[in-house]
Amino acid sequence: MAPKDKLEGDALPISQQAYIYRTYLEADNTVALTPKSTDNGFIFSLLMVVLKFQGII
């Protein structure tokens, strides 16, 4: 999956898409180096999925 798909990059300016994509390539998907504004929502939703899954079990 392309990084811009994960971050919904289509809604961002082209330069911001390029920055995010380049950051993902250089960081090899390391979360700490990605832009914070897009990180927090993605991490939070991922955390909520994990918590829901744990709650069911």
PDB file of N, CA and C in Angstrom:
ATOM      1  N   MET A   1       0.846  -1.196   0.000  1.00  0.00           N
ATOM      2  CA  MET A   1       0.000   0.000   0.000  1.00  0.00           C
ATOM      3  C   MET A   1       0.878   1.242   0.000  1.00  0.00           C
ATOM      4  N   ALA A   2       0.538   2.175  -0.836  1.00  0.00           N
ATOM      5  CA  ALA A   2       1.324   3.401  -0.928  1.00  0.00           C
ATOM      6  C   ALA A   2       1.115   4.262   0.312  1.00  0.00           C
ATOM      7  N   PRO A   3       2.171   4.934   0.762  1.00  0.00           N
ATOM      8  CA  PRO A   3       2.051   5.775   1.954  1.00  0.00           C
ATOM      9  C   PRO A   3       0.941   6.811   1.867  1.00  0.00           C
ATOM     10  N   LYS A   4       0.739   7.405   0.674  1.00  0.00           N
ATOM     11  CA  LYS A   4      -0.290   8.441   0.582  1.00  0.00           C
ATOM     12  C   LYS A   4      -1.693   7.863   0.756  1.00  0.00           C
ATOM     13  N   ASP A   5      -1.863   6.581   0.450  1.00  0.00           N
ATOM     14  CA  ASP A   5      -3.149   5.944   0.699  1.00  0.00           C
ATOM     15  C   ASP A   5      -3.413   5.844   2.208  1.00  0.00           C
ATOM     16  N   LYS A   6      -2.378   5.512   2.947  1.00  0.00           N
ATOM     17  CA  LYS A   6      -2.508   5.348   4.387  1.00  0.00           C
ATOM     18  C   LYS A   6      -2.845   6.676   5.055  1.00  0.00           C
ATOM     19  N   LEU A   7      -2.307   7.760   4.513  1.00  0.00           N
ATOM     20  CA  LEU A   7      -2.476   9.071   5.130  1.00  0.00           C
ATOM     21  C   LEU A   7      -3.519   9.924   4.426  1.00  0.00           C
ATOM     22  N   GLU A   8      -4.229   9.337   3.461  1.00  0.00           N
ATOM     23  CA  GLU A   8      -5.198  10.082   2.672  1.00  0.00           C
ATOM     24  C   GLU A   8      -4.544  11.324   2.059  1.00  0.00           C
ATOM     25  N   GLY A   9      -3.427  11.106   1.411  1.00  0.00           N
ATOM     26  CA  GLY A   9      -2.613  12.206   0.901  1.00  0.00           C
ATOM     27  C   GLY A   9      -3.256  12.979  -0.232  1.00  0.00           C
ATOM     28  N   ASP A  10      -4.281  12.428  -0.860  1.00  0.00           N
ATOM     29  CA  ASP A  10      -4.920  13.110  -1.984  1.00  0.00           C
ATOM     30  C   ASP A  10      -5.553  14.432  -1.571  1.00  0.00           C
ATOM     31  N   ALA A  11      -5.900  14.560  -0.287  1.00  0.00           N
ATOM     32  CA  ALA A  11      -6.536  15.783   0.190  1.00  0.00           C
ATOM     33  C   ALA A  11      -5.514  16.886   0.481  1.00  0.00           C
ATOM     34  N   LEU A  12      -4.227  16.546   0.425  1.00  0.00           N
ATOM     35  CA  LEU A  12      -3.182  17.506   0.757  1.00  0.00           C
ATOM     36  C   LEU A  12      -2.605  18.129  -0.514  1.00  0.00           C
ATOM     37  N   PRO A  13      -1.953  19.300  -0.379  1.00  0.00           N
ATOM     38  CA  PRO A  13      -1.251  19.888  -1.518  1.00  0.00           C
ATOM     39  C   PRO A  13      -0.194  18.925  -2.048  1.00  0.00           C
ATOM     40  N   ILE A  14       0.151  19.071  -3.329  1.00  0.00           N
ATOM     41  CA  ILE A  14       1.101  18.161  -3.964  1.00  0.00           C
ATOM     42  C   ILE A  14       2.438  18.149  -3.228  1.00  0.00           C
ATOM     43  N   SER A  15       2.906  19.321  -2.813  1.00  0.00           N
ATOM     44  CA  SER A  15       4.195  19.385  -2.124  1.00  0.00           C
ATOM     45  C   SER A  15       4.148  18.622  -0.809  1.00  0.00           C
ATOM     46  N   GLN A  16       3.003  18.683  -0.123  1.00  0.00           N
ATOM     47  CA  GLN A  16       2.856  17.957   1.142  1.00  0.00           C
ATOM     48  C   GLN A  16       2.797  16.455   0.883  1.00  0.00           C
ATOM     49  N   GLN A  17       2.124  16.049  -0.193  1.00  0.00           N
ATOM     50  CA  GLN A  17       2.110  14.631  -0.557  1.00  0.00           C
ATOM     51  C   GLN A  17       3.529  14.133  -0.795  1.00  0.00           C
ATOM     52  N   ALA A  18       4.292  14.932  -1.539  1.00  0.00           N
ATOM     53  CA  ALA A  18       5.661  14.537  -1.864  1.00  0.00           C
ATOM     54  C   ALA A  18       6.507  14.446  -0.598  1.00  0.00           C
ATOM     55  N   TYR A  19       6.297  15.387   0.330  1.00  0.00           N
ATOM     56  CA  TYR A  19       7.042  15.381   1.586  1.00  0.00           C
ATOM     57  C   TYR A  19       6.728  14.123   2.395  1.00  0.00           C
ATOM     58  N   ILE A  20       5.439  13.807   2.493  1.00  0.00           N
ATOM     59  CA  ILE A  20       5.039  12.616   3.253  1.00  0.00           C
ATOM     60  C   ILE A  20       5.591  11.358   2.597  1.00  0.00           C
ATOM     61  N   TYR A  21       5.476  11.280   1.285  1.00  0.00           N
ATOM     62  CA  TYR A  21       5.945  10.094   0.584  1.00  0.00           C
ATOM     63  C   TYR A  21       7.447   9.917   0.757  1.00  0.00           C
ATOM     64  N   ARG A  22       8.194  11.031   0.596  1.00  0.00           N
ATOM     65  CA  ARG A  22       9.647  10.976   0.751  1.00  0.00           C
ATOM     66  C   ARG A  22      10.028  10.608   2.182  1.00  0.00           C
ATOM     67  N   THR A  23       9.291  11.160   3.150  1.00  0.00           N
ATOM     68  CA  THR A  23       9.578  10.861   4.551  1.00  0.00           C
ATOM     69  C   THR A  23       9.383   9.381   4.823  1.00  0.00           C
ATOM     70  N   TYR A  24       8.304   8.818   4.276  1.00  0.00           N
ATOM     71  CA  TYR A  24       8.067   7.393   4.475  1.00  0.00           C
ATOM     72  C   TYR A  24       9.173   6.555   3.840  1.00  0.00           C
ATOM     73  N   LEU A  25       9.614   6.943   2.658  1.00  0.00           N
ATOM     74  CA  LEU A  25      10.664   6.173   2.006  1.00  0.00           C
ATOM     75  C   LEU A  25      11.974   6.236   2.793  1.00  0.00           C
ATOM     76  N   GLU A  26      12.346   7.442   3.221  1.00  0.00           N
ATOM     77  CA  GLU A  26      13.618   7.607   3.932  1.00  0.00           C
ATOM     78  C   GLU A  26      13.577   6.944   5.302  1.00  0.00           C
ATOM     79  N   ALA A  27      12.420   7.015   5.961  1.00  0.00           N
ATOM     80  CA  ALA A  27      12.321   6.503   7.324  1.00  0.00           C
ATOM     81  C   ALA A  27      11.974   5.014   7.360  1.00  0.00           C
ATOM     82  N   ASP A  28      11.682   4.447   6.186  1.00  0.00           N
ATOM     83  CA  ASP A  28      11.278   3.047   6.104  1.00  0.00           C
ATOM     84  C   ASP A  28      10.093   2.791   7.029  1.00  0.00           C
ATOM     85  N   ASN A  29       9.081   3.680   6.909  1.00  0.00           N
ATOM     86  CA  ASN A  29       7.837   3.579   7.677  1.00  0.00           C
ATOM     87  C   ASN A  29       8.032   3.740   9.189  1.00  0.00           C
ATOM     88  N   THR A  30       9.054   4.484   9.591  1.00  0.00           N
ATOM     89  CA  THR A  30       9.244   4.772  11.014  1.00  0.00           C
ATOM     90  C   THR A  30       8.284   5.888  11.407  1.00  0.00           C
ATOM     91  N   VAL A  31       7.470   5.633  12.409  1.00  0.00           N
ATOM     92  CA  VAL A  31       6.403   6.560  12.767  1.00  0.00           C
ATOM     93  C   VAL A  31       6.942   7.890  13.270  1.00  0.00           C
ATOM     94  N   ALA A  32       8.064   7.857  13.976  1.00  0.00           N
ATOM     95  CA  ALA A  32       8.568   9.053  14.646  1.00  0.00           C
ATOM     96  C   ALA A  32       8.918  10.176  13.669  1.00  0.00           C
ATOM     97  N   LEU A  33       9.215   9.845  12.417  1.00  0.00           N
ATOM     98  CA  LEU A  33       9.679  10.853  11.476  1.00  0.00           C
ATOM     99  C   LEU A  33       8.589  11.344  10.533  1.00  0.00           C
ATOM    100  N   THR A  34       7.377  10.840  10.681  1.00  0.00           N
ATOM    101  CA  THR A  34       6.295  11.291   9.816  1.00  0.00           C
ATOM    102  C   THR A  34       5.628  12.530  10.407  1.00  0.00           C
ATOM    103  N   PRO A  35       4.932  13.311   9.582  1.00  0.00           N
ATOM    104  CA  PRO A  35       4.306  14.540  10.077  1.00  0.00           C
ATOM    105  C   PRO A  35       3.283  14.238  11.171  1.00  0.00           C
ATOM    106  N   LYS A  36       3.355  14.985  12.252  1.00  0.00           N
ATOM    107  CA  LYS A  36       2.532  14.686  13.424  1.00  0.00           C
ATOM    108  C   LYS A  36       1.040  14.860  13.158  1.00  0.00           C
ATOM    109  N   SER A  37       0.681  15.806  12.316  1.00  0.00           N
ATOM    110  CA  SER A  37      -0.730  16.091  12.093  1.00  0.00           C
ATOM    111  C   SER A  37      -1.461  14.892  11.485  1.00  0.00           C
ATOM    112  N   THR A  38      -0.757  14.098  10.679  1.00  0.00           N
ATOM    113  CA  THR A  38      -1.383  12.928  10.072  1.00  0.00           C
ATOM    114  C   THR A  38      -1.166  11.689  10.925  1.00  0.00           C
ATOM    115  N   ASP A  39      -0.096  11.666  11.697  1.00  0.00           N
ATOM    116  CA  ASP A  39       0.213  10.506  12.534  1.00  0.00           C
ATOM    117  C   ASP A  39      -0.851  10.222  13.565  1.00  0.00           C
ATOM    118  N   ASN A  40      -1.201  11.249  14.326  1.00  0.00           N
ATOM    119  CA  ASN A  40      -1.989  11.044  15.532  1.00  0.00           C
ATOM    120  C   ASN A  40      -3.322  10.378  15.238  1.00  0.00           C
ATOM    121  N   GLY A  41      -4.001  10.799  14.179  1.00  0.00           N
ATOM    122  CA  GLY A  41      -5.273  10.189  13.834  1.00  0.00           C
ATOM    123  C   GLY A  41      -5.115   8.730  13.439  1.00  0.00           C
ATOM    124  N   PHE A  42      -4.072   8.434  12.688  1.00  0.00           N
ATOM    125  CA  PHE A  42      -3.843   7.064  12.238  1.00  0.00           C
ATOM    126  C   PHE A  42      -3.509   6.157  13.417  1.00  0.00           C
ATOM    127  N   ILE A  43      -2.621   6.617  14.284  1.00  0.00           N
ATOM    128  CA  ILE A  43      -2.222   5.822  15.446  1.00  0.00           C
ATOM    129  C   ILE A  43      -3.403   5.632  16.385  1.00  0.00           C
ATOM    130  N   PHE A  44      -4.173   6.695  16.583  1.00  0.00           N
ATOM    131  CA  PHE A  44      -5.321   6.614  17.479  1.00  0.00           C
ATOM    132  C   PHE A  44      -6.342   5.599  16.973  1.00  0.00           C
ATOM    133  N   SER A  45      -6.631   5.635  15.679  1.00  0.00           N
ATOM    134  CA  SER A  45      -7.605   4.690  15.133  1.00  0.00           C
ATOM    135  C   SER A  45      -7.079   3.262  15.219  1.00  0.00           C
ATOM    136  N   LEU A  46      -5.779   3.101  15.008  1.00  0.00           N
ATOM    137  CA  LEU A  46      -5.172   1.780  15.126  1.00  0.00           C
ATOM    138  C   LEU A  46      -5.270   1.280  16.567  1.00  0.00           C
ATOM    139  N   LEU A  47      -5.000   2.181  17.516  1.00  0.00           N
ATOM    140  CA  LEU A  47      -5.092   1.828  18.931  1.00  0.00           C
ATOM    141  C   LEU A  47      -6.519   1.430  19.310  1.00  0.00           C
ATOM    142  N   MET A  48      -7.498   2.168  18.790  1.00  0.00           N
ATOM    143  CA  MET A  48      -8.893   1.867  19.107  1.00  0.00           C
ATOM    144  C   MET A  48      -9.293   0.489  18.580  1.00  0.00           C
ATOM    145  N   VAL A  49      -8.802   0.144  17.397  1.00  0.00           N
ATOM    146  CA  VAL A  49      -9.092  -1.179  16.838  1.00  0.00           C
ATOM    147  C   VAL A  49      -8.521  -2.269  17.738  1.00  0.00           C
ATOM    148  N   VAL A  50      -7.305  -2.052  18.205  1.00  0.00           N
ATOM    149  CA  VAL A  50      -6.667  -3.042  19.088  1.00  0.00           C
ATOM    150  C   VAL A  50      -7.443  -3.177  20.394  1.00  0.00           C
ATOM    151  N   LEU A  51      -7.845  -2.046  20.957  1.00  0.00           N
ATOM    152  CA  LEU A  51      -8.587  -2.082  22.221  1.00  0.00           C
ATOM    153  C   LEU A  51      -9.942  -2.766  22.062  1.00  0.00           C
ATOM    154  N   LYS A  52     -10.624  -2.499  20.952  1.00  0.00           N
ATOM    155  CA  LYS A  52     -11.903  -3.165  20.697  1.00  0.00           C
ATOM    156  C   LYS A  52     -11.708  -4.669  20.576  1.00  0.00           C
ATOM    157  N   PHE A  53     -10.655  -5.050  19.871  1.00  0.00           N
ATOM    158  CA  PHE A  53     -10.370  -6.464  19.672  1.00  0.00           C
ATOM    159  C   PHE A  53     -10.082  -7.143  21.005  1.00  0.00           C
ATOM    160  N   GLN A  54      -9.297  -6.496  21.836  1.00  0.00           N
ATOM    161  CA  GLN A  54      -8.984  -7.045  23.156  1.00  0.00           C
ATOM    162  C   GLN A  54     -10.236  -7.131  24.029  1.00  0.00           C
ATOM    163  N   GLY A  55     -11.120  -6.152  23.900  1.00  0.00           N
ATOM    164  CA  GLY A  55     -12.334  -6.130  24.696  1.00  0.00           C
ATOM    165  C   GLY A  55     -13.280  -7.283  24.362  1.00  0.00           C
ATOM    166  N   ILE A  56     -13.315  -7.654  23.084  1.00  0.00           N
ATOM    167  CA  ILE A  56     -14.177  -8.757  22.650  1.00  0.00           C
ATOM    168  C   ILE A  56     -13.671 -10.076  23.230  1.00  0.00           C
ATOM    169  N   ILE A  57     -12.354 -10.236  23.233  1.00  0.00           N
ATOM    170  CA  ILE A  57     -11.749 -11.471  23.776  1.00  0.00           C
ATOM    171  C   ILE A  57     -11.674 -11.350  25.280  1.00  0.00           C
TER     172      ILE A  57
END
